[in-house]
Amino acid sequence: KNAIYEAVNSFVNDYNSVMKAVADTDDSTVSRRVTSLTNETVSNQKALNRLGITMNLDGTLSLNKETFMNADMSKAKSLFNGNGSYAYQVSAQASLINYAADNAITKGSSYGVNGAYSSGFSSGNLFNGYF
């Protein structure tokens, strides 16, 4: 159980990193991808809640260790393992966010309206398999 908890905790941290990295984006493609990521989480909210994973108001996730450790691990494995799982869908959306952010950076000049460098995005290669 500890190894599964650590993997899920790492997933939650990576998910939160993505959400924080794109929090102030004004690129419509990135925003649509973030909405898709959020919708994937909302559609799995009941199953996630049973594992002690809740969505915060800012879109990040929280993991309650006690609830997780008392949960049915087969439920955790079904959410986080294999093609079509919640984790797989989140991974796909994170990759699409990264791609959209890379495109947003290369669209135009690297200078913003005020003559300062525009900020970039980086979600990295997150969610590359937890089990």
C-alpha atoms as a PDB file:
ATOM      1  CA  LYS A   1       0.000   0.000   0.000  1.00  0.00           C
ATOM      2  CA  ASN A   2       2.816   2.432   0.766  1.00  0.00           C
ATOM      3  CA  ALA A   3       4.267   2.127  -2.740  1.00  0.00           C
ATOM      4  CA  ILE A   4       0.848   2.757  -4.280  1.00  0.00           C
ATOM      5  CA  TYR A   5       0.294   5.728  -1.971  1.00  0.00           C
ATOM      6  CA  GLU A   6       3.675   7.210  -2.930  1.00  0.00           C
ATOM      7  CA  ALA A   7       2.909   6.789  -6.641  1.00  0.00           C
ATOM      8  CA  VAL A   8      -0.506   8.433  -6.274  1.00  0.00           C
ATOM      9  CA  ASN A   9       0.962  11.206  -4.130  1.00  0.00           C
ATOM     10  CA  SER A  10       3.532  11.842  -6.871  1.00  0.00           C
ATOM     11  CA  PHE A  11       0.710  11.935  -9.420  1.00  0.00           C
ATOM     12  CA  VAL A  12      -1.174  14.509  -7.302  1.00  0.00           C
ATOM     13  CA  ASN A  13       1.966  16.655  -7.006  1.00  0.00           C
ATOM     14  CA  ASP A  14       2.563  16.505 -10.776  1.00  0.00           C
ATOM     15  CA  TYR A  15      -1.078  17.306 -11.484  1.00  0.00           C
ATOM     16  CA  ASN A  16      -0.841  20.312  -9.181  1.00  0.00           C
ATOM     17  CA  SER A  17       2.357  21.457 -10.907  1.00  0.00           C
ATOM     18  CA  VAL A  18       0.550  21.504 -14.234  1.00  0.00           C
ATOM     19  CA  MET A  19      -2.404  23.422 -12.799  1.00  0.00           C
ATOM     20  CA  LYS A  20      -0.129  26.009 -11.189  1.00  0.00           C
ATOM     21  CA  ALA A  21       1.987  26.396 -14.336  1.00  0.00           C
ATOM     22  CA  VAL A  22      -1.050  27.296 -16.453  1.00  0.00           C
ATOM     23  CA  ALA A  23      -3.015  29.231 -13.834  1.00  0.00           C
ATOM     24  CA  ASP A  24      -2.536  32.625 -15.471  1.00  0.00           C
ATOM     25  CA  THR A  25      -2.481  31.654 -19.120  1.00  0.00           C
ATOM     26  CA  ASP A  26      -4.340  33.728 -21.642  1.00  0.00           C
ATOM     27  CA  ASP A  27      -3.853  31.332 -24.552  1.00  0.00           C
ATOM     28  CA  SER A  28      -7.221  29.918 -25.608  1.00  0.00           C
ATOM     29  CA  THR A  29      -5.856  26.536 -26.700  1.00  0.00           C
ATOM     30  CA  VAL A  30      -4.035  26.006 -23.413  1.00  0.00           C
ATOM     31  CA  SER A  31      -7.150  27.109 -21.534  1.00  0.00           C
ATOM     32  CA  ARG A  32      -9.325  24.611 -23.444  1.00  0.00           C
ATOM     33  CA  ARG A  33      -6.875  21.808 -22.649  1.00  0.00           C
ATOM     34  CA  VAL A  34      -6.869  22.774 -18.971  1.00  0.00           C
ATOM     35  CA  THR A  35     -10.678  22.701 -19.034  1.00  0.00           C
ATOM     36  CA  SER A  36     -10.531  19.187 -20.522  1.00  0.00           C
ATOM     37  CA  LEU A  37      -8.124  18.119 -17.787  1.00  0.00           C
ATOM     38  CA  THR A  38     -10.397  19.573 -15.115  1.00  0.00           C
ATOM     39  CA  ASN A  39     -13.465  17.919 -16.670  1.00  0.00           C
ATOM     40  CA  GLU A  40     -11.697  14.550 -16.614  1.00  0.00           C
ATOM     41  CA  THR A  41     -11.097  14.995 -12.896  1.00  0.00           C
ATOM     42  CA  VAL A  42     -14.650  16.153 -12.225  1.00  0.00           C
ATOM     43  CA  SER A  43     -16.067  13.148 -14.091  1.00  0.00           C
ATOM     44  CA  ASN A  44     -14.021  10.853 -11.816  1.00  0.00           C
ATOM     45  CA  GLN A  45     -14.650  12.851  -8.657  1.00  0.00           C
ATOM     46  CA  LYS A  46     -16.689  10.235  -6.789  1.00  0.00           C
ATOM     47  CA  ALA A  47     -14.104   7.508  -7.363  1.00  0.00           C
ATOM     48  CA  LEU A  48     -11.285   9.892  -6.454  1.00  0.00           C
ATOM     49  CA  ASN A  49     -13.086  10.982  -3.272  1.00  0.00           C
ATOM     50  CA  ARG A  50     -13.353   7.351  -2.164  1.00  0.00           C
ATOM     51  CA  LEU A  51      -9.554   7.262  -2.322  1.00  0.00           C
ATOM     52  CA  GLY A  52      -9.180  10.487  -0.349  1.00  0.00           C
ATOM     53  CA  ILE A  53      -8.404  12.651  -3.386  1.00  0.00           C
ATOM     54  CA  THR A  54     -10.364  15.890  -3.524  1.00  0.00           C
ATOM     55  CA  MET A  55     -10.339  18.828  -5.899  1.00  0.00           C
ATOM     56  CA  ASN A  56      -9.599  22.216  -4.377  1.00  0.00           C
ATOM     57  CA  LEU A  57     -11.270  25.455  -5.491  1.00  0.00           C
ATOM     58  CA  ASP A  58      -8.162  26.410  -7.515  1.00  0.00           C
ATOM     59  CA  GLY A  59      -8.335  23.159  -9.497  1.00  0.00           C
ATOM     60  CA  THR A  60      -5.470  21.454  -7.689  1.00  0.00           C
ATOM     61  CA  LEU A  61      -5.840  18.144  -5.892  1.00  0.00           C
ATOM     62  CA  SER A  62      -5.372  17.118  -2.259  1.00  0.00           C
ATOM     63  CA  LEU A  63      -4.677  13.603  -1.030  1.00  0.00           C
ATOM     64  CA  ASN A  64      -5.699  12.447   2.434  1.00  0.00           C
ATOM     65  CA  LYS A  65      -3.270   9.697   3.410  1.00  0.00           C
ATOM     66  CA  GLU A  66      -5.474   8.083   6.047  1.00  0.00           C
ATOM     67  CA  THR A  67      -8.459   7.817   3.717  1.00  0.00           C
ATOM     68  CA  PHE A  68      -6.242   6.487   0.948  1.00  0.00           C
ATOM     69  CA  MET A  69      -4.597   3.860   3.131  1.00  0.00           C
ATOM     70  CA  ASN A  70      -8.037   2.591   4.233  1.00  0.00           C
ATOM     71  CA  ALA A  71      -9.424   2.501   0.683  1.00  0.00           C
ATOM     72  CA  ASP A  72      -9.819  -0.488  -1.617  1.00  0.00           C
ATOM     73  CA  MET A  73      -6.523  -0.684  -3.552  1.00  0.00           C
ATOM     74  CA  SER A  74      -8.213  -2.386  -6.492  1.00  0.00           C
ATOM     75  CA  LYS A  75     -10.142   0.874  -6.975  1.00  0.00           C
ATOM     76  CA  ALA A  76      -6.879   2.824  -6.937  1.00  0.00           C
ATOM     77  CA  LYS A  77      -5.340   0.502  -9.491  1.00  0.00           C
ATOM     78  CA  SER A  78      -8.326   0.803 -11.807  1.00  0.00           C
ATOM     79  CA  LEU A  79      -8.139   4.611 -11.691  1.00  0.00           C
ATOM     80  CA  PHE A  80      -4.378   4.842 -12.117  1.00  0.00           C
ATOM     81  CA  ASN A  81      -3.352   1.857 -14.219  1.00  0.00           C
ATOM     82  CA  GLY A  82      -3.718   1.057 -17.903  1.00  0.00           C
ATOM     83  CA  ASN A  83      -5.012   2.556 -21.111  1.00  0.00           C
ATOM     84  CA  GLY A  84      -8.262   4.396 -20.659  1.00  0.00           C
ATOM     85  CA  SER A  85      -7.754   4.884 -16.913  1.00  0.00           C
ATOM     86  CA  TYR A  86      -8.131   8.268 -15.255  1.00  0.00           C
ATOM     87  CA  ALA A  87      -4.336   8.610 -15.022  1.00  0.00           C
ATOM     88  CA  TYR A  88      -3.977   7.740 -18.704  1.00  0.00           C
ATOM     89  CA  GLN A  89      -6.515  10.419 -19.665  1.00  0.00           C
ATOM     90  CA  VAL A  90      -4.804  12.978 -17.425  1.00  0.00           C
ATOM     91  CA  SER A  91      -1.456  12.084 -18.967  1.00  0.00           C
ATOM     92  CA  ALA A  92      -2.882  12.619 -22.440  1.00  0.00           C
ATOM     93  CA  GLN A  93      -4.317  16.002 -21.459  1.00  0.00           C
ATOM     94  CA  ALA A  94      -1.036  17.052 -19.807  1.00  0.00           C
ATOM     95  CA  SER A  95       0.809  16.208 -23.019  1.00  0.00           C
ATOM     96  CA  LEU A  96      -1.702  18.245 -25.026  1.00  0.00           C
ATOM     97  CA  ILE A  97      -1.291  21.162 -22.603  1.00  0.00           C
ATOM     98  CA  ASN A  98       2.478  20.958 -23.042  1.00  0.00           C
ATOM     99  CA  TYR A  99       2.101  20.885 -26.836  1.00  0.00           C
ATOM    100  CA  ALA A 100      -0.326  23.837 -26.806  1.00  0.00           C
ATOM    101  CA  ALA A 101       1.957  25.809 -24.506  1.00  0.00           C
ATOM    102  CA  ASP A 102       4.963  25.148 -26.750  1.00  0.00           C
ATOM    103  CA  ASN A 103       2.923  26.376 -29.720  1.00  0.00           C
ATOM    104  CA  ALA A 104       1.788  29.466 -27.815  1.00  0.00           C
ATOM    105  CA  ILE A 105       5.395  30.355 -27.079  1.00  0.00           C
ATOM    106  CA  THR A 106       6.466  30.051 -30.715  1.00  0.00           C
ATOM    107  CA  LYS A 107       3.448  31.894 -32.194  1.00  0.00           C
ATOM    108  CA  GLY A 108       4.945  35.318 -32.127  1.00  0.00           C
ATOM    109  CA  SER A 109       7.637  37.451 -30.703  1.00  0.00           C
ATOM    110  CA  SER A 110       9.129  36.602 -27.370  1.00  0.00           C
ATOM    111  CA  TYR A 111       8.419  40.138 -26.219  1.00  0.00           C
ATOM    112  CA  GLY A 112       5.151  41.091 -24.589  1.00  0.00           C
ATOM    113  CA  VAL A 113       3.100  44.235 -25.066  1.00  0.00           C
ATOM    114  CA  ASN A 114       5.098  46.172 -22.479  1.00  0.00           C
ATOM    115  CA  GLY A 115       8.483  45.330 -24.000  1.00  0.00           C
ATOM    116  CA  ALA A 116       9.202  42.593 -21.459  1.00  0.00           C
ATOM    117  CA  TYR A 117       9.765  38.957 -22.246  1.00  0.00           C
ATOM    118  CA  SER A 118       6.568  36.966 -22.341  1.00  0.00           C
ATOM    119  CA  SER A 119       6.346  34.174 -19.810  1.00  0.00           C
ATOM    120  CA  GLY A 120       6.460  30.619 -21.061  1.00  0.00           C
ATOM    121  CA  PHE A 121       4.801  27.466 -19.926  1.00  0.00           C
ATOM    122  CA  SER A 122       6.296  24.162 -18.990  1.00  0.00           C
ATOM    123  CA  SER A 123       4.346  21.170 -17.871  1.00  0.00           C
ATOM    124  CA  GLY A 124       7.071  18.729 -18.863  1.00  0.00           C
ATOM    125  CA  ASN A 125       6.524  15.056 -19.429  1.00  0.00           C
ATOM    126  CA  LEU A 126       4.234  14.337 -16.520  1.00  0.00           C
ATOM    127  CA  PHE A 127       2.155  11.317 -15.738  1.00  0.00           C
ATOM    128  CA  ASN A 128       4.266   8.750 -17.587  1.00  0.00           C
ATOM    129  CA  GLY A 129       2.906   5.707 -15.813  1.00  0.00           C
ATOM    130  CA  TYR A 130       2.567   5.217 -12.105  1.00  0.00           C
ATOM    131  CA  PHE A 131       1.998   1.466 -11.806  1.00  0.00           C
END
